[in-house]
N, C-alpha and C. Protein backbone atom coordinates (compact mmCIF):
# COMPACT_ATOMS: atom_id res chain seq x y z
N MET A 1 4.69 11.40 -0.51
CA MET A 1 4.70 10.68 -1.77
C MET A 1 5.79 11.31 -2.64
N PRO A 2 6.68 10.50 -3.18
CA PRO A 2 7.70 11.07 -4.06
C PRO A 2 7.07 11.77 -5.27
N SER A 3 7.65 12.89 -5.64
CA SER A 3 7.08 13.70 -6.71
C SER A 3 7.00 12.95 -8.04
N VAL A 4 7.96 12.07 -8.33
CA VAL A 4 7.91 11.34 -9.59
C VAL A 4 6.76 10.33 -9.59
N PHE A 5 6.45 9.77 -8.42
CA PHE A 5 5.31 8.86 -8.34
C PHE A 5 4.01 9.63 -8.50
N LYS A 6 3.92 10.79 -7.87
CA LYS A 6 2.73 11.64 -8.02
C LYS A 6 2.56 12.03 -9.49
N ALA A 7 3.65 12.37 -10.17
CA ALA A 7 3.59 12.70 -11.60
C ALA A 7 3.09 11.51 -12.41
N TRP A 8 3.54 10.30 -12.05
CA TRP A 8 3.08 9.10 -12.74
C TRP A 8 1.57 8.93 -12.56
N LEU A 9 1.09 9.12 -11.33
CA LEU A 9 -0.36 9.03 -11.08
C LEU A 9 -1.11 10.04 -11.93
N ASP A 10 -0.57 11.26 -12.01
CA ASP A 10 -1.22 12.28 -12.83
C ASP A 10 -1.28 11.86 -14.29
N GLN A 11 -0.29 11.11 -14.75
CA GLN A 11 -0.27 10.66 -16.14
C GLN A 11 -1.25 9.52 -16.40
N ILE A 12 -1.47 8.65 -15.41
CA ILE A 12 -2.36 7.51 -15.66
C ILE A 12 -3.82 7.79 -15.32
N LEU A 13 -4.09 8.85 -14.58
CA LEU A 13 -5.48 9.20 -14.28
C LEU A 13 -6.00 10.13 -15.37
N VAL A 14 -6.53 9.51 -16.41
CA VAL A 14 -6.98 10.25 -17.58
C VAL A 14 -8.48 10.01 -17.76
N THR A 15 -9.25 11.09 -17.70
CA THR A 15 -10.70 10.99 -17.84
C THR A 15 -11.07 10.27 -19.13
N ASP A 16 -12.02 9.35 -19.02
CA ASP A 16 -12.56 8.54 -20.12
C ASP A 16 -11.55 7.57 -20.72
N ARG A 17 -10.38 7.47 -20.13
CA ARG A 17 -9.41 6.47 -20.57
C ARG A 17 -9.13 5.47 -19.44
N THR A 18 -8.72 5.96 -18.30
CA THR A 18 -8.47 5.08 -17.16
C THR A 18 -9.56 5.20 -16.10
N PHE A 19 -10.32 6.27 -16.14
CA PHE A 19 -11.49 6.38 -15.25
C PHE A 19 -12.54 7.23 -15.94
N ARG A 20 -13.78 7.02 -15.50
CA ARG A 20 -14.91 7.75 -16.08
C ARG A 20 -15.69 8.42 -14.96
N HIS A 21 -16.31 9.53 -15.30
CA HIS A 21 -17.14 10.21 -14.31
C HIS A 21 -18.48 9.50 -14.15
N THR A 22 -18.82 8.69 -15.12
CA THR A 22 -20.04 7.88 -15.04
C THR A 22 -19.66 6.45 -15.39
N GLY A 23 -20.05 5.53 -14.56
CA GLY A 23 -19.72 4.13 -14.82
C GLY A 23 -18.37 3.73 -14.28
N ALA A 24 -18.10 2.46 -14.40
CA ALA A 24 -16.87 1.89 -13.84
C ALA A 24 -15.66 2.18 -14.70
N SER A 25 -14.54 2.24 -14.07
CA SER A 25 -13.25 2.39 -14.75
C SER A 25 -12.97 1.13 -15.56
N PRO A 26 -12.26 1.26 -16.69
CA PRO A 26 -11.87 0.06 -17.44
C PRO A 26 -11.00 -0.89 -16.62
N ALA A 27 -10.33 -0.38 -15.60
CA ALA A 27 -9.47 -1.19 -14.76
C ALA A 27 -10.19 -1.74 -13.53
N ALA A 28 -11.44 -1.38 -13.34
CA ALA A 28 -12.18 -1.74 -12.13
C ALA A 28 -12.12 -3.24 -11.84
N GLY A 29 -11.84 -3.55 -10.59
CA GLY A 29 -11.83 -4.93 -10.14
C GLY A 29 -10.52 -5.67 -10.33
N ARG A 30 -9.59 -5.10 -11.07
CA ARG A 30 -8.30 -5.76 -11.25
C ARG A 30 -7.51 -5.69 -9.95
N PRO A 31 -6.75 -6.74 -9.66
CA PRO A 31 -6.00 -6.73 -8.40
C PRO A 31 -4.82 -5.76 -8.46
N ALA A 32 -4.56 -5.15 -7.33
CA ALA A 32 -3.40 -4.26 -7.20
C ALA A 32 -2.80 -4.48 -5.82
N LEU A 33 -1.49 -4.54 -5.77
CA LEU A 33 -0.80 -4.72 -4.51
C LEU A 33 -0.03 -3.45 -4.18
N LEU A 34 -0.30 -2.88 -3.03
CA LEU A 34 0.38 -1.69 -2.55
C LEU A 34 1.26 -2.11 -1.38
N ILE A 35 2.57 -1.94 -1.54
CA ILE A 35 3.51 -2.25 -0.47
C ILE A 35 4.13 -0.95 -0.01
N SER A 36 4.03 -0.66 1.27
CA SER A 36 4.58 0.57 1.83
C SER A 36 5.33 0.24 3.11
N ALA A 37 6.66 0.19 3.01
CA ALA A 37 7.48 -0.08 4.19
C ALA A 37 7.67 1.19 4.99
N ARG A 38 7.79 1.02 6.30
CA ARG A 38 7.94 2.16 7.20
C ARG A 38 9.09 1.94 8.16
N GLY A 39 9.86 2.98 8.36
CA GLY A 39 10.94 2.92 9.34
C GLY A 39 10.41 2.88 10.75
N GLY A 40 9.26 3.50 10.96
CA GLY A 40 8.60 3.54 12.26
C GLY A 40 7.26 2.84 12.19
N SER A 41 6.26 3.45 12.81
CA SER A 41 4.93 2.86 12.82
C SER A 41 3.87 3.94 12.98
N TYR A 42 2.74 3.72 12.33
CA TYR A 42 1.56 4.57 12.51
C TYR A 42 0.44 3.77 13.16
N ALA A 43 0.76 2.61 13.70
CA ALA A 43 -0.23 1.72 14.30
C ALA A 43 -0.85 2.36 15.54
N PRO A 44 -2.03 1.89 15.94
CA PRO A 44 -2.65 2.40 17.16
C PRO A 44 -1.70 2.27 18.35
N GLY A 45 -1.57 3.35 19.09
CA GLY A 45 -0.70 3.38 20.25
C GLY A 45 0.71 3.89 19.95
N ALA A 46 1.09 3.94 18.68
CA ALA A 46 2.41 4.45 18.31
C ALA A 46 2.42 5.98 18.44
N PRO A 47 3.58 6.57 18.69
CA PRO A 47 3.64 8.03 18.83
C PRO A 47 3.12 8.79 17.61
N ARG A 48 3.22 8.20 16.45
CA ARG A 48 2.78 8.88 15.22
C ARG A 48 1.46 8.30 14.67
N GLU A 49 0.71 7.68 15.55
CA GLU A 49 -0.59 7.13 15.14
C GLU A 49 -1.41 8.20 14.42
N GLY A 50 -2.00 7.81 13.30
CA GLY A 50 -2.88 8.72 12.56
C GLY A 50 -2.17 9.67 11.62
N LEU A 51 -0.85 9.60 11.53
CA LEU A 51 -0.12 10.53 10.67
C LEU A 51 0.26 9.93 9.32
N ASP A 52 -0.29 8.77 8.99
CA ASP A 52 -0.01 8.16 7.68
C ASP A 52 -0.92 8.80 6.64
N TYR A 53 -0.33 9.62 5.79
CA TYR A 53 -1.10 10.27 4.74
C TYR A 53 -0.86 9.62 3.39
N LEU A 54 0.15 8.77 3.28
CA LEU A 54 0.47 8.16 2.00
C LEU A 54 -0.45 6.98 1.66
N VAL A 55 -0.49 5.98 2.53
CA VAL A 55 -1.25 4.77 2.22
C VAL A 55 -2.74 5.06 2.03
N PRO A 56 -3.40 5.80 2.92
CA PRO A 56 -4.82 6.09 2.67
C PRO A 56 -5.06 6.83 1.35
N THR A 57 -4.16 7.75 1.01
CA THR A 57 -4.31 8.48 -0.26
C THR A 57 -4.20 7.53 -1.44
N LEU A 58 -3.18 6.66 -1.43
CA LEU A 58 -3.01 5.72 -2.54
C LEU A 58 -4.15 4.71 -2.61
N GLU A 59 -4.62 4.23 -1.45
CA GLU A 59 -5.76 3.31 -1.46
C GLU A 59 -6.98 3.98 -2.08
N THR A 60 -7.15 5.26 -1.82
CA THR A 60 -8.28 5.99 -2.39
C THR A 60 -8.11 6.18 -3.90
N VAL A 61 -6.97 6.69 -4.31
CA VAL A 61 -6.73 6.95 -5.74
C VAL A 61 -6.82 5.65 -6.55
N LEU A 62 -6.21 4.60 -6.04
CA LEU A 62 -6.19 3.35 -6.79
C LEU A 62 -7.49 2.55 -6.67
N GLY A 63 -8.13 2.60 -5.50
CA GLY A 63 -9.24 1.70 -5.26
C GLY A 63 -10.64 2.29 -5.28
N HIS A 64 -10.77 3.60 -5.16
CA HIS A 64 -12.12 4.18 -5.10
C HIS A 64 -12.86 3.93 -6.40
N GLU A 65 -14.13 3.56 -6.29
CA GLU A 65 -14.92 3.23 -7.49
C GLU A 65 -15.07 4.39 -8.45
N ASP A 66 -14.94 5.62 -7.98
CA ASP A 66 -15.03 6.78 -8.87
C ASP A 66 -13.70 7.13 -9.52
N LEU A 67 -12.65 6.41 -9.16
CA LEU A 67 -11.33 6.63 -9.77
C LEU A 67 -10.93 5.35 -10.50
N LEU A 68 -9.81 4.74 -10.17
CA LEU A 68 -9.39 3.54 -10.91
C LEU A 68 -10.19 2.30 -10.54
N GLY A 69 -10.70 2.23 -9.32
CA GLY A 69 -11.54 1.10 -8.93
C GLY A 69 -10.83 -0.23 -8.84
N LEU A 70 -9.52 -0.21 -8.63
CA LEU A 70 -8.77 -1.45 -8.50
C LEU A 70 -9.11 -2.16 -7.19
N ASP A 71 -8.89 -3.45 -7.16
CA ASP A 71 -9.08 -4.24 -5.94
C ASP A 71 -7.75 -4.19 -5.19
N VAL A 72 -7.59 -3.19 -4.33
CA VAL A 72 -6.31 -2.90 -3.68
C VAL A 72 -6.15 -3.68 -2.38
N THR A 73 -5.00 -4.32 -2.27
CA THR A 73 -4.59 -4.97 -1.03
C THR A 73 -3.28 -4.32 -0.60
N THR A 74 -3.18 -3.98 0.67
CA THR A 74 -2.00 -3.29 1.18
C THR A 74 -1.20 -4.19 2.12
N VAL A 75 0.10 -4.21 1.91
CA VAL A 75 1.04 -4.91 2.79
C VAL A 75 1.97 -3.84 3.34
N THR A 76 2.07 -3.77 4.67
CA THR A 76 2.84 -2.68 5.29
C THR A 76 3.79 -3.21 6.36
N PRO A 77 5.01 -3.56 5.97
CA PRO A 77 6.00 -3.90 7.00
C PRO A 77 6.42 -2.64 7.76
N GLU A 78 6.47 -2.75 9.08
CA GLU A 78 6.77 -1.57 9.90
C GLU A 78 8.06 -1.77 10.69
N LEU A 79 8.53 -0.66 11.23
CA LEU A 79 9.70 -0.63 12.10
C LEU A 79 10.96 -1.14 11.40
N THR A 80 11.08 -0.87 10.11
CA THR A 80 12.23 -1.36 9.35
C THR A 80 13.55 -0.72 9.78
N MET A 81 13.50 0.38 10.51
CA MET A 81 14.72 1.01 11.01
C MET A 81 15.16 0.45 12.37
N ALA A 82 14.33 -0.38 13.00
CA ALA A 82 14.65 -0.89 14.34
C ALA A 82 16.01 -1.59 14.42
N PRO A 83 16.38 -2.42 13.43
CA PRO A 83 17.68 -3.08 13.54
C PRO A 83 18.87 -2.13 13.33
N HIS A 84 18.61 -0.93 12.85
CA HIS A 84 19.69 -0.01 12.47
C HIS A 84 19.81 1.21 13.36
N ALA A 85 18.79 1.51 14.13
CA ALA A 85 18.79 2.71 14.98
C ALA A 85 18.87 2.30 16.45
N PRO A 86 19.93 2.68 17.13
CA PRO A 86 20.07 2.28 18.54
C PRO A 86 18.86 2.62 19.41
N ALA A 87 18.20 3.73 19.14
CA ALA A 87 17.05 4.13 19.95
C ALA A 87 15.86 3.19 19.77
N LEU A 88 15.87 2.39 18.70
CA LEU A 88 14.76 1.49 18.41
C LEU A 88 15.07 0.03 18.71
N THR A 89 16.21 -0.23 19.32
CA THR A 89 16.65 -1.61 19.57
C THR A 89 15.58 -2.44 20.28
N SER A 90 14.87 -1.84 21.20
CA SER A 90 13.84 -2.60 21.94
C SER A 90 12.68 -3.02 21.04
N LEU A 91 12.58 -2.42 19.86
CA LEU A 91 11.48 -2.72 18.96
C LEU A 91 11.83 -3.78 17.90
N VAL A 92 13.06 -4.30 17.95
CA VAL A 92 13.48 -5.30 16.96
C VAL A 92 12.53 -6.50 16.92
N PRO A 93 12.08 -7.06 18.06
CA PRO A 93 11.13 -8.18 17.97
C PRO A 93 9.83 -7.81 17.23
N LEU A 94 9.33 -6.59 17.44
CA LEU A 94 8.14 -6.14 16.71
C LEU A 94 8.43 -6.00 15.22
N HIS A 95 9.62 -5.50 14.90
CA HIS A 95 10.04 -5.39 13.50
C HIS A 95 10.07 -6.77 12.85
N GLU A 96 10.69 -7.72 13.53
CA GLU A 96 10.80 -9.07 12.97
C GLU A 96 9.43 -9.69 12.76
N ALA A 97 8.53 -9.51 13.71
CA ALA A 97 7.17 -10.03 13.57
C ALA A 97 6.45 -9.35 12.40
N SER A 98 6.64 -8.04 12.25
CA SER A 98 6.02 -7.30 11.16
C SER A 98 6.55 -7.77 9.81
N MET A 99 7.86 -7.97 9.72
CA MET A 99 8.45 -8.43 8.46
C MET A 99 7.98 -9.84 8.11
N THR A 100 7.91 -10.72 9.09
CA THR A 100 7.43 -12.08 8.85
C THR A 100 5.99 -12.05 8.36
N ALA A 101 5.15 -11.27 9.02
CA ALA A 101 3.74 -11.17 8.62
C ALA A 101 3.62 -10.58 7.21
N ALA A 102 4.41 -9.56 6.91
CA ALA A 102 4.36 -8.93 5.59
C ALA A 102 4.80 -9.90 4.50
N HIS A 103 5.89 -10.65 4.74
CA HIS A 103 6.35 -11.62 3.75
C HIS A 103 5.33 -12.74 3.55
N ASP A 104 4.75 -13.22 4.64
CA ASP A 104 3.73 -14.27 4.53
C ASP A 104 2.52 -13.77 3.75
N HIS A 105 2.09 -12.55 4.07
CA HIS A 105 0.94 -11.96 3.37
C HIS A 105 1.25 -11.78 1.89
N ALA A 106 2.45 -11.28 1.57
CA ALA A 106 2.83 -11.07 0.18
C ALA A 106 2.88 -12.39 -0.59
N ARG A 107 3.42 -13.45 0.03
CA ARG A 107 3.46 -14.75 -0.64
C ARG A 107 2.04 -15.28 -0.92
N ALA A 108 1.16 -15.14 0.05
CA ALA A 108 -0.22 -15.59 -0.13
C ALA A 108 -0.90 -14.79 -1.25
N LEU A 109 -0.64 -13.51 -1.28
CA LEU A 109 -1.22 -12.67 -2.33
C LEU A 109 -0.68 -13.04 -3.71
N ALA A 110 0.61 -13.34 -3.80
CA ALA A 110 1.21 -13.73 -5.07
C ALA A 110 0.53 -14.99 -5.61
N THR A 111 0.28 -15.95 -4.72
CA THR A 111 -0.42 -17.17 -5.12
C THR A 111 -1.83 -16.85 -5.59
N SER A 112 -2.51 -15.98 -4.85
CA SER A 112 -3.87 -15.59 -5.20
C SER A 112 -3.92 -14.85 -6.53
N PHE A 113 -2.98 -13.91 -6.73
CA PHE A 113 -2.94 -13.15 -7.99
C PHE A 113 -2.66 -14.08 -9.16
N ALA A 114 -1.75 -15.03 -8.98
CA ALA A 114 -1.42 -15.97 -10.06
C ALA A 114 -2.63 -16.82 -10.42
N ALA A 115 -3.38 -17.24 -9.40
CA ALA A 115 -4.58 -18.04 -9.66
C ALA A 115 -5.63 -17.23 -10.41
N ARG A 116 -5.75 -15.95 -10.08
CA ARG A 116 -6.72 -15.10 -10.78
C ARG A 116 -6.33 -14.87 -12.23
N ALA A 117 -5.02 -14.83 -12.48
CA ALA A 117 -4.53 -14.57 -13.84
C ALA A 117 -4.59 -15.81 -14.73
N ALA A 118 -4.64 -16.98 -14.12
CA ALA A 118 -4.62 -18.23 -14.89
C ALA A 118 -5.95 -18.51 -15.56
């Protein structure tokens, strides 16, 4: 996690302002979109499976009912380095499928978020 983003989280996680030790956060239930692009993959079967420490941490901080309690949805395009790294050339079709799925998911979420805000 970039240090400036971690510092931002430290600034917005304020007891009795953005979260409470008893009861729901004032932000509880609001939609939040977390987009985390990856040059490689942490998917099952990938060499780095299980080594994603960023997304689970952010989903917890943003979505756990004892913290901000946001309604977090995550979009994760993977293998973004495949078109640029010769060693990953064989993974370009997986990259393209991941990008298409991520864009489709993001568009559907944008429509959903707009409907909730209306």
